[in-house]
Amino acid sequence: MTAAADVALFLCGLYVCLRLIAAAYRILDLWYTIGTAYPQVVRGILGWGGAAAAAIVWLGDGRRKAFLLGLLAFLLFYLSLYVLRYLVLRKPAPLD
C-alpha cells in the first residue's frame, strides 16, 4: 500500500504542476480582456498554488517527497521541451 500511495501522490504532483502552469498561462490567454478577466486569472493561480501548498503542508515527511518529486518532475519535463525545441528545430529559411 505504501508504494501505491507514493505513486498516487507522484501522479497528483504531476497533475497539480500541470494545472498550475496552465493557470499561469491564463494571463497570456486572457490578456486582451484582462480588465474584466483578472478575477478568473487570480483565482486559478491562487487555487492551484494553494492546493499545492496545502498538500505540501498537510502531507507527512515520507509522503511529501513523492508529491514534491511529481511537481519537480513535471516542471523539469516542461522546461526541457523548451530546450529541445531550440536544439532540434531550426529557424526557417528567409523568404525571398
PDB file of N, CA and C in Angstrom:
ATOM      1  N   MET A   1       0.823  -1.199   0.000  1.00  0.00           N
ATOM      2  CA  MET A   1       0.000   0.000   0.000  1.00  0.00           C
ATOM      3  C   MET A   1       0.867   1.263   0.000  1.00  0.00           C
ATOM      4  N   THR A   2       2.024   1.192   0.605  1.00  0.00           N
ATOM      5  CA  THR A   2       2.889   2.357   0.666  1.00  0.00           C
ATOM      6  C   THR A   2       3.358   2.765  -0.724  1.00  0.00           C
ATOM      7  N   ALA A   3       3.751   1.796  -1.532  1.00  0.00           N
ATOM      8  CA  ALA A   3       4.211   2.114  -2.887  1.00  0.00           C
ATOM      9  C   ALA A   3       3.059   2.673  -3.725  1.00  0.00           C
ATOM     10  N   ALA A   4       1.872   2.120  -3.562  1.00  0.00           N
ATOM     11  CA  ALA A   4       0.719   2.607  -4.319  1.00  0.00           C
ATOM     12  C   ALA A   4       0.379   4.039  -3.915  1.00  0.00           C
ATOM     13  N   ALA A   5       0.481   4.354  -2.630  1.00  0.00           N
ATOM     14  CA  ALA A   5       0.216   5.716  -2.168  1.00  0.00           C
ATOM     15  C   ALA A   5       1.271   6.681  -2.703  1.00  0.00           C
ATOM     16  N   ASP A   6       2.533   6.246  -2.743  1.00  0.00           N
ATOM     17  CA  ASP A   6       3.589   7.104  -3.274  1.00  0.00           C
ATOM     18  C   ASP A   6       3.398   7.364  -4.763  1.00  0.00           C
ATOM     19  N   VAL A   7       3.008   6.353  -5.500  1.00  0.00           N
ATOM     20  CA  VAL A   7       2.748   6.524  -6.934  1.00  0.00           C
ATOM     21  C   VAL A   7       1.569   7.466  -7.146  1.00  0.00           C
ATOM     22  N   ALA A   8       0.528   7.303  -6.345  1.00  0.00           N
ATOM     23  CA  ALA A   8      -0.644   8.174  -6.470  1.00  0.00           C
ATOM     24  C   ALA A   8      -0.279   9.627  -6.143  1.00  0.00           C
ATOM     25  N   LEU A   9       0.531   9.845  -5.124  1.00  0.00           N
ATOM     26  CA  LEU A   9       0.940  11.207  -4.781  1.00  0.00           C
ATOM     27  C   LEU A   9       1.872  11.792  -5.836  1.00  0.00           C
ATOM     28  N   PHE A  10       2.724  10.962  -6.422  1.00  0.00           N
ATOM     29  CA  PHE A  10       3.579  11.423  -7.514  1.00  0.00           C
ATOM     30  C   PHE A  10       2.719  11.883  -8.687  1.00  0.00           C
ATOM     31  N   LEU A  11       1.713  11.100  -9.036  1.00  0.00           N
ATOM     32  CA  LEU A  11       0.810  11.470 -10.126  1.00  0.00           C
ATOM     33  C   LEU A  11       0.002  12.717  -9.785  1.00  0.00           C
ATOM     34  N   CYS A  12      -0.393  12.861  -8.541  1.00  0.00           N
ATOM     35  CA  CYS A  12      -1.086  14.083  -8.122  1.00  0.00           C
ATOM     36  C   CYS A  12      -0.173  15.292  -8.242  1.00  0.00           C
ATOM     37  N   GLY A  13       1.094  15.118  -7.913  1.00  0.00           N
ATOM     38  CA  GLY A  13       2.060  16.201  -8.063  1.00  0.00           C
ATOM     39  C   GLY A  13       2.216  16.596  -9.520  1.00  0.00           C
ATOM     40  N   LEU A  14       2.250  15.616 -10.415  1.00  0.00           N
ATOM     41  CA  LEU A  14       2.311  15.908 -11.847  1.00  0.00           C
ATOM     42  C   LEU A  14       1.103  16.723 -12.285  1.00  0.00           C
ATOM     43  N   TYR A  15      -0.069  16.293 -11.854  1.00  0.00           N
ATOM     44  CA  TYR A  15      -1.304  16.956 -12.268  1.00  0.00           C
ATOM     45  C   TYR A  15      -1.394  18.380 -11.721  1.00  0.00           C
ATOM     46  N   VAL A  16      -1.042  18.557 -10.460  1.00  0.00           N
ATOM     47  CA  VAL A  16      -1.130  19.891  -9.861  1.00  0.00           C
ATOM     48  C   VAL A  16      -0.148  20.843 -10.534  1.00  0.00           C
ATOM     49  N   CYS A  17       1.040  20.366 -10.859  1.00  0.00           N
ATOM     50  CA  CYS A  17       2.003  21.221 -11.548  1.00  0.00           C
ATOM     51  C   CYS A  17       1.503  21.582 -12.945  1.00  0.00           C
ATOM     52  N   LEU A  18       0.915  20.637 -13.633  1.00  0.00           N
ATOM     53  CA  LEU A  18       0.339  20.901 -14.952  1.00  0.00           C
ATOM     54  C   LEU A  18      -0.729  21.985 -14.863  1.00  0.00           C
ATOM     55  N   ARG A  19      -1.620  21.852 -13.908  1.00  0.00           N
ATOM     56  CA  ARG A  19      -2.705  22.825 -13.754  1.00  0.00           C
ATOM     57  C   ARG A  19      -2.181  24.180 -13.297  1.00  0.00           C
ATOM     58  N   LEU A  20      -1.125  24.202 -12.502  1.00  0.00           N
ATOM     59  CA  LEU A  20      -0.557  25.465 -12.054  1.00  0.00           C
ATOM     60  C   LEU A  20       0.096  26.203 -13.219  1.00  0.00           C
ATOM     61  N   ILE A  21       0.779  25.478 -14.092  1.00  0.00           N
ATOM     62  CA  ILE A  21       1.366  26.105 -15.278  1.00  0.00           C
ATOM     63  C   ILE A  21       0.255  26.595 -16.210  1.00  0.00           C
ATOM     64  N   ALA A  22      -0.791  25.808 -16.356  1.00  0.00           N
ATOM     65  CA  ALA A  22      -1.915  26.224 -17.198  1.00  0.00           C
ATOM     66  C   ALA A  22      -2.583  27.471 -16.628  1.00  0.00           C
ATOM     67  N   ALA A  23      -2.692  27.550 -15.307  1.00  0.00           N
ATOM     68  CA  ALA A  23      -3.286  28.739 -14.689  1.00  0.00           C
ATOM     69  C   ALA A  23      -2.401  29.960 -14.914  1.00  0.00           C
ATOM     70  N   ALA A  24      -1.102  29.765 -14.918  1.00  0.00           N
ATOM     71  CA  ALA A  24      -0.200  30.889 -15.177  1.00  0.00           C
ATOM     72  C   ALA A  24      -0.328  31.362 -16.623  1.00  0.00           C
ATOM     73  N   TYR A  25      -0.587  30.450 -17.538  1.00  0.00           N
ATOM     74  CA  TYR A  25      -0.756  30.835 -18.937  1.00  0.00           C
ATOM     75  C   TYR A  25      -2.062  31.576 -19.193  1.00  0.00           C
ATOM     76  N   ARG A  26      -2.980  31.528 -18.254  1.00  0.00           N
ATOM     77  CA  ARG A  26      -4.227  32.266 -18.443  1.00  0.00           C
ATOM     78  C   ARG A  26      -3.985  33.760 -18.519  1.00  0.00           C
ATOM     79  N   ILE A  27      -2.889  34.227 -17.917  1.00  0.00           N
ATOM     80  CA  ILE A  27      -2.558  35.652 -18.019  1.00  0.00           C
ATOM     81  C   ILE A  27      -2.372  36.012 -19.488  1.00  0.00           C
ATOM     82  N   LEU A  28      -1.624  35.197 -20.213  1.00  0.00           N
ATOM     83  CA  LEU A  28      -1.408  35.468 -21.636  1.00  0.00           C
ATOM     84  C   LEU A  28      -2.665  35.214 -22.453  1.00  0.00           C
ATOM     85  N   ASP A  29      -3.373  34.155 -22.125  1.00  0.00           N
ATOM     86  CA  ASP A  29      -4.568  33.808 -22.891  1.00  0.00           C
ATOM     87  C   ASP A  29      -5.655  34.870 -22.794  1.00  0.00           C
ATOM     88  N   LEU A  30      -5.792  35.457 -21.637  1.00  0.00           N
ATOM     89  CA  LEU A  30      -6.868  36.418 -21.414  1.00  0.00           C
ATOM     90  C   LEU A  30      -6.374  37.857 -21.349  1.00  0.00           C
ATOM     91  N   TRP A  31      -5.191  38.128 -21.857  1.00  0.00           N
ATOM     92  CA  TRP A  31      -4.641  39.473 -21.765  1.00  0.00           C
ATOM     93  C   TRP A  31      -5.506  40.508 -22.483  1.00  0.00           C
ATOM     94  N   TYR A  32      -6.129  40.093 -23.588  1.00  0.00           N
ATOM     95  CA  TYR A  32      -6.948  41.043 -24.346  1.00  0.00           C
ATOM     96  C   TYR A  32      -8.122  41.551 -23.531  1.00  0.00           C
ATOM     97  N   THR A  33      -8.544  40.810 -22.556  1.00  0.00           N
ATOM     98  CA  THR A  33      -9.668  41.223 -21.721  1.00  0.00           C
ATOM     99  C   THR A  33      -9.308  41.162 -20.235  1.00  0.00           C
ATOM    100  N   ILE A  34      -8.044  41.438 -19.934  1.00  0.00           N
ATOM    101  CA  ILE A  34      -7.569  41.289 -18.560  1.00  0.00           C
ATOM    102  C   ILE A  34      -8.304  42.214 -17.590  1.00  0.00           C
ATOM    103  N   GLY A  35      -8.827  43.313 -18.107  1.00  0.00           N
ATOM    104  CA  GLY A  35      -9.568  44.228 -17.237  1.00  0.00           C
ATOM    105  C   GLY A  35     -10.777  43.586 -16.591  1.00  0.00           C
ATOM    106  N   THR A  36     -11.417  42.664 -17.298  1.00  0.00           N
ATOM    107  CA  THR A  36     -12.591  42.002 -16.738  1.00  0.00           C
ATOM    108  C   THR A  36     -12.314  40.563 -16.320  1.00  0.00           C
ATOM    109  N   ALA A  37     -11.223  39.978 -16.811  1.00  0.00           N
ATOM    110  CA  ALA A  37     -10.956  38.567 -16.536  1.00  0.00           C
ATOM    111  C   ALA A  37      -9.934  38.341 -15.434  1.00  0.00           C
ATOM    112  N   TYR A  38      -9.408  39.417 -14.845  1.00  0.00           N
ATOM    113  CA  TYR A  38      -8.372  39.216 -13.837  1.00  0.00           C
ATOM    114  C   TYR A  38      -8.843  38.418 -12.626  1.00  0.00           C
ATOM    115  N   PRO A  39     -10.123  38.476 -12.221  1.00  0.00           N
ATOM    116  CA  PRO A  39     -10.518  37.616 -11.101  1.00  0.00           C
ATOM    117  C   PRO A  39     -10.370  36.125 -11.430  1.00  0.00           C
ATOM    118  N   GLN A  40     -10.688  35.743 -12.659  1.00  0.00           N
ATOM    119  CA  GLN A  40     -10.531  34.343 -13.054  1.00  0.00           C
ATOM    120  C   GLN A  40      -9.060  33.943 -13.048  1.00  0.00           C
ATOM    121  N   VAL A  41      -8.209  34.830 -13.540  1.00  0.00           N
ATOM    122  CA  VAL A  41      -6.779  34.551 -13.596  1.00  0.00           C
ATOM    123  C   VAL A  41      -6.217  34.387 -12.189  1.00  0.00           C
ATOM    124  N   VAL A  42      -6.527  35.323 -11.333  1.00  0.00           N
ATOM    125  CA  VAL A  42      -6.020  35.269  -9.963  1.00  0.00           C
ATOM    126  C   VAL A  42      -6.580  34.068  -9.220  1.00  0.00           C
ATOM    127  N   ARG A  43      -7.853  33.788  -9.429  1.00  0.00           N
ATOM    128  CA  ARG A  43      -8.479  32.641  -8.767  1.00  0.00           C
ATOM    129  C   ARG A  43      -7.808  31.340  -9.183  1.00  0.00           C
ATOM    130  N   GLY A  44      -7.482  31.208 -10.455  1.00  0.00           N
ATOM    131  CA  GLY A  44      -6.825  29.988 -10.915  1.00  0.00           C
ATOM    132  C   GLY A  44      -5.441  29.810 -10.333  1.00  0.00           C
ATOM    133  N   ILE A  45      -4.660  30.881 -10.337  1.00  0.00           N
ATOM    134  CA  ILE A  45      -3.296  30.785  -9.804  1.00  0.00           C
ATOM    135  C   ILE A  45      -3.319  30.538  -8.298  1.00  0.00           C
ATOM    136  N   LEU A  46      -4.146  31.289  -7.589  1.00  0.00           N
ATOM    137  CA  LEU A  46      -4.218  31.088  -6.138  1.00  0.00           C
ATOM    138  C   LEU A  46      -4.823  29.735  -5.777  1.00  0.00           C
ATOM    139  N   GLY A  47      -5.779  29.289  -6.570  1.00  0.00           N
ATOM    140  CA  GLY A  47      -6.408  27.995  -6.285  1.00  0.00           C
ATOM    141  C   GLY A  47      -5.439  26.832  -6.428  1.00  0.00           C
ATOM    142  N   TRP A  48      -4.762  26.760  -7.566  1.00  0.00           N
ATOM    143  CA  TRP A  48      -3.831  25.638  -7.779  1.00  0.00           C
ATOM    144  C   TRP A  48      -2.557  25.794  -6.957  1.00  0.00           C
ATOM    145  N   GLY A  49      -2.090  27.031  -6.791  1.00  0.00           N
ATOM    146  CA  GLY A  49      -0.938  27.246  -5.911  1.00  0.00           C
ATOM    147  C   GLY A  49      -1.271  26.920  -4.467  1.00  0.00           C
ATOM    148  N   GLY A  50      -2.470  27.288  -4.050  1.00  0.00           N
ATOM    149  CA  GLY A  50      -2.910  26.954  -2.700  1.00  0.00           C
ATOM    150  C   GLY A  50      -3.093  25.463  -2.503  1.00  0.00           C
ATOM    151  N   ALA A  51      -3.592  24.785  -3.541  1.00  0.00           N
ATOM    152  CA  ALA A  51      -3.740  23.329  -3.443  1.00  0.00           C
ATOM    153  C   ALA A  51      -2.380  22.660  -3.295  1.00  0.00           C
ATOM    154  N   ALA A  52      -1.395  23.139  -4.043  1.00  0.00           N
ATOM    155  CA  ALA A  52      -0.040  22.576  -3.929  1.00  0.00           C
ATOM    156  C   ALA A  52       0.540  22.852  -2.548  1.00  0.00           C
ATOM    157  N   ALA A  53       0.382  24.089  -2.075  1.00  0.00           N
ATOM    158  CA  ALA A  53       0.916  24.446  -0.764  1.00  0.00           C
ATOM    159  C   ALA A  53       0.223  23.665   0.352  1.00  0.00           C
ATOM    160  N   ALA A  54      -1.095  23.519   0.232  1.00  0.00           N
ATOM    161  CA  ALA A  54      -1.833  22.771   1.253  1.00  0.00           C
ATOM    162  C   ALA A  54      -1.409  21.307   1.274  1.00  0.00           C
ATOM    163  N   ALA A  55      -1.209  20.732   0.105  1.00  0.00           N
ATOM    164  CA  ALA A  55      -0.773  19.338   0.058  1.00  0.00           C
ATOM    165  C   ALA A  55       0.622  19.178   0.653  1.00  0.00           C
ATOM    166  N   ILE A  56       1.496  20.133   0.385  1.00  0.00           N
ATOM    167  CA  ILE A  56       2.853  20.056   0.931  1.00  0.00           C
ATOM    168  C   ILE A  56       2.830  20.165   2.450  1.00  0.00           C
ATOM    169  N   VAL A  57       2.005  21.063   2.970  1.00  0.00           N
ATOM    170  CA  VAL A  57       1.912  21.241   4.421  1.00  0.00           C
ATOM    171  C   VAL A  57       1.206  20.061   5.074  1.00  0.00           C
ATOM    172  N   TRP A  58       0.159  19.579   4.436  1.00  0.00           N
ATOM    173  CA  TRP A  58      -0.680  18.534   5.026  1.00  0.00           C
ATOM    174  C   TRP A  58      -0.010  17.167   5.032  1.00  0.00           C
ATOM    175  N   LEU A  59       0.775  16.861   4.006  1.00  0.00           N
ATOM    176  CA  LEU A  59       1.387  15.543   3.915  1.00  0.00           C
ATOM    177  C   LEU A  59       2.532  15.406   4.912  1.00  0.00           C
ATOM    178  N   GLY A  60       2.721  14.177   5.361  1.00  0.00           N
ATOM    179  CA  GLY A  60       3.845  13.895   6.248  1.00  0.00           C
ATOM    180  C   GLY A  60       5.154  13.891   5.475  1.00  0.00           C
ATOM    181  N   ASP A  61       6.264  13.769   6.200  1.00  0.00           N
ATOM    182  CA  ASP A  61       7.574  13.847   5.564  1.00  0.00           C
ATOM    183  C   ASP A  61       7.779  12.777   4.498  1.00  0.00           C
ATOM    184  N   GLY A  62       7.382  11.560   4.771  1.00  0.00           N
ATOM    185  CA  GLY A  62       7.574  10.481   3.801  1.00  0.00           C
ATOM    186  C   GLY A  62       6.728  10.658   2.556  1.00  0.00           C
ATOM    187  N   ARG A  63       5.518  11.093   2.715  1.00  0.00           N
ATOM    188  CA  ARG A  63       4.606  11.281   1.586  1.00  0.00           C
ATOM    189  C   ARG A  63       4.898  12.579   0.828  1.00  0.00           C
ATOM    190  N   ARG A  64       5.399  13.561   1.533  1.00  0.00           N
ATOM    191  CA  ARG A  64       5.690  14.849   0.910  1.00  0.00           C
ATOM    192  C   ARG A  64       6.721  14.702  -0.212  1.00  0.00           C
ATOM    193  N   LYS A  65       7.679  13.789  -0.025  1.00  0.00           N
ATOM    194  CA  LYS A  65       8.718  13.593  -1.042  1.00  0.00           C
ATOM    195  C   LYS A  65       8.129  13.159  -2.375  1.00  0.00           C
ATOM    196  N   ALA A  66       7.173  12.251  -2.336  1.00  0.00           N
ATOM    197  CA  ALA A  66       6.564  11.755  -3.572  1.00  0.00           C
ATOM    198  C   ALA A  66       5.814  12.871  -4.291  1.00  0.00           C
ATOM    199  N   PHE A  67       5.084  13.675  -3.548  1.00  0.00           N
ATOM    200  CA  PHE A  67       4.338  14.778  -4.152  1.00  0.00           C
ATOM    201  C   PHE A  67       5.284  15.823  -4.741  1.00  0.00           C
ATOM    202  N   LEU A  68       6.310  16.201  -3.988  1.00  0.00           N
ATOM    203  CA  LEU A  68       7.278  17.177  -4.475  1.00  0.00           C
ATOM    204  C   LEU A  68       8.060  16.652  -5.670  1.00  0.00           C
ATOM    205  N   LEU A  69       8.346  15.365  -5.670  1.00  0.00           N
ATOM    206  CA  LEU A  69       9.037  14.770  -6.809  1.00  0.00           C
ATOM    207  C   LEU A  69       8.162  14.829  -8.059  1.00  0.00           C
ATOM    208  N   GLY A  70       6.861  14.643  -7.899  1.00  0.00           N
ATOM    209  CA  GLY A  70       5.938  14.775  -9.023  1.00  0.00           C
ATOM    210  C   GLY A  70       5.897  16.202  -9.551  1.00  0.00           C
ATOM    211  N   LEU A  71       5.844  17.174  -8.635  1.00  0.00           N
ATOM    212  CA  LEU A  71       5.872  18.588  -9.047  1.00  0.00           C
ATOM    213  C   LEU A  71       7.161  18.905  -9.804  1.00  0.00           C
ATOM    214  N   LEU A  72       8.275  18.488  -9.242  1.00  0.00           N
ATOM    215  CA  LEU A  72       9.567  18.789  -9.848  1.00  0.00           C
ATOM    216  C   LEU A  72       9.758  18.057 -11.175  1.00  0.00           C
ATOM    217  N   ALA A  73       9.288  16.807 -11.244  1.00  0.00           N
ATOM    218  CA  ALA A  73       9.436  16.027 -12.476  1.00  0.00           C
ATOM    219  C   ALA A  73       8.683  16.682 -13.628  1.00  0.00           C
ATOM    220  N   PHE A  74       7.462  17.127 -13.386  1.00  0.00           N
ATOM    221  CA  PHE A  74       6.720  17.763 -14.471  1.00  0.00           C
ATOM    222  C   PHE A  74       7.324  19.105 -14.841  1.00  0.00           C
ATOM    223  N   LEU A  75       7.772  19.856 -13.858  1.00  0.00           N
ATOM    224  CA  LEU A  75       8.390  21.147 -14.156  1.00  0.00           C
ATOM    225  C   LEU A  75       9.656  20.962 -14.995  1.00  0.00           C
ATOM    226  N   LEU A  76      10.484  19.985 -14.648  1.00  0.00           N
ATOM    227  CA  LEU A  76      11.690  19.720 -15.443  1.00  0.00           C
ATOM    228  C   LEU A  76      11.338  19.226 -16.840  1.00  0.00           C
ATOM    229  N   PHE A  77      10.317  18.380 -16.943  1.00  0.00           N
ATOM    230  CA  PHE A  77       9.872  17.913 -18.254  1.00  0.00           C
ATOM    231  C   PHE A  77       9.390  19.085 -19.096  1.00  0.00           C
ATOM    232  N   TYR A  78       8.608  19.956 -18.495  1.00  0.00           N
ATOM    233  CA  TYR A  78       8.056  21.104 -19.223  1.00  0.00           C
ATOM    234  C   TYR A  78       9.166  22.037 -19.692  1.00  0.00           C
ATOM    235  N   LEU A  79      10.115  22.311 -18.829  1.00  0.00           N
ATOM    236  CA  LEU A  79      11.221  23.189 -19.209  1.00  0.00           C
ATOM    237  C   LEU A  79      12.134  22.534 -20.240  1.00  0.00           C
ATOM    238  N   SER A  80      12.253  21.211 -20.191  1.00  0.00           N
ATOM    239  CA  SER A  80      13.095  20.526 -21.172  1.00  0.00           C
ATOM    240  C   SER A  80      12.501  20.616 -22.577  1.00  0.00           C
ATOM    241  N   LEU A  81      11.212  20.790 -22.685  1.00  0.00           N
ATOM    242  CA  LEU A  81      10.603  20.950 -24.004  1.00  0.00           C
ATOM    243  C   LEU A  81      11.094  22.218 -24.688  1.00  0.00           C
ATOM    244  N   TYR A  82      11.333  23.266 -23.916  1.00  0.00           N
ATOM    245  CA  TYR A  82      11.873  24.493 -24.491  1.00  0.00           C
ATOM    246  C   TYR A  82      13.304  24.274 -24.983  1.00  0.00           C
ATOM    247  N   VAL A  83      14.102  23.572 -24.202  1.00  0.00           N
ATOM    248  CA  VAL A  83      15.482  23.301 -24.604  1.00  0.00           C
ATOM    249  C   VAL A  83      15.500  22.456 -25.866  1.00  0.00           C
ATOM    250  N   LEU A  84      14.685  21.412 -25.897  1.00  0.00           N
ATOM    251  CA  LEU A  84      14.643  20.550 -27.077  1.00  0.00           C
ATOM    252  C   LEU A  84      14.150  21.298 -28.305  1.00  0.00           C
ATOM    253  N   ARG A  85      13.233  22.202 -28.106  1.00  0.00           N
ATOM    254  CA  ARG A  85      12.716  22.957 -29.240  1.00  0.00           C
ATOM    255  C   ARG A  85      13.815  23.778 -29.893  1.00  0.00           C
ATOM    256  N   TYR A  86      14.660  24.386 -29.085  1.00  0.00           N
ATOM    257  CA  TYR A  86      15.718  25.209 -29.657  1.00  0.00           C
ATOM    258  C   TYR A  86      16.876  24.371 -30.193  1.00  0.00           C
ATOM    259  N   LEU A  87      17.073  23.175 -29.665  1.00  0.00           N
ATOM    260  CA  LEU A  87      18.142  22.324 -30.172  1.00  0.00           C
ATOM    261  C   LEU A  87      17.735  21.580 -31.434  1.00  0.00           C
ATOM    262  N   VAL A  88      16.485  21.179 -31.515  1.00  0.00           N
ATOM    263  CA  VAL A  88      16.027  20.337 -32.622  1.00  0.00           C
ATOM    264  C   VAL A  88      15.496  21.171 -33.768  1.00  0.00           C
ATOM    265  N   LEU A  89      14.650  22.111 -33.472  1.00  0.00           N
ATOM    266  CA  LEU A  89      14.045  22.909 -34.525  1.00  0.00           C
ATOM    267  C   LEU A  89      15.013  23.976 -34.994  1.00  0.00           C
ATOM    268  N   ARG A  90      15.032  24.172 -36.261  1.00  0.00           N
ATOM    269  CA  ARG A  90      15.879  25.208 -36.829  1.00  0.00           C
ATOM    270  C   ARG A  90      15.021  26.336 -37.346  1.00  0.00           C
ATOM    271  N   LYS A  91      15.622  27.473 -37.439  1.00  0.00           N
ATOM    272  CA  LYS A  91      14.890  28.617 -37.958  1.00  0.00           C
ATOM    273  C   LYS A  91      14.605  28.387 -39.448  1.00  0.00           C
ATOM    274  N   PRO A  92      13.434  28.724 -39.885  1.00  0.00           N
ATOM    275  CA  PRO A  92      13.127  28.555 -41.312  1.00  0.00           C
ATOM    276  C   PRO A  92      13.956  29.506 -42.170  1.00  0.00           C
ATOM    277  N   ALA A  93      14.158  29.086 -43.389  1.00  0.00           N
ATOM    278  CA  ALA A  93      14.916  29.919 -44.317  1.00  0.00           C
ATOM    279  C   ALA A  93      14.133  31.206 -44.595  1.00  0.00           C
ATOM    280  N   PRO A  94      14.814  32.312 -44.744  1.00  0.00           N
ATOM    281  CA  PRO A  94      14.093  33.563 -45.010  1.00  0.00           C
ATOM    282  C   PRO A  94      13.401  33.522 -46.364  1.00  0.00           C
ATOM    283  N   LEU A  95      12.265  34.146 -46.408  1.00  0.00           N
ATOM    284  CA  LEU A  95      11.524  34.214 -47.667  1.00  0.00           C
ATOM    285  C   LEU A  95      12.143  35.282 -48.560  1.00  0.00           C
ATOM    286  N   ASP A  96      12.326  34.941 -49.799  1.00  0.00           N
ATOM    287  CA  ASP A  96      12.912  35.904 -50.755  1.00  0.00           C
ATOM    288  C   ASP A  96      11.853  36.587 -51.558  1.00  0.00           C
TER     289      ASP A  96
END
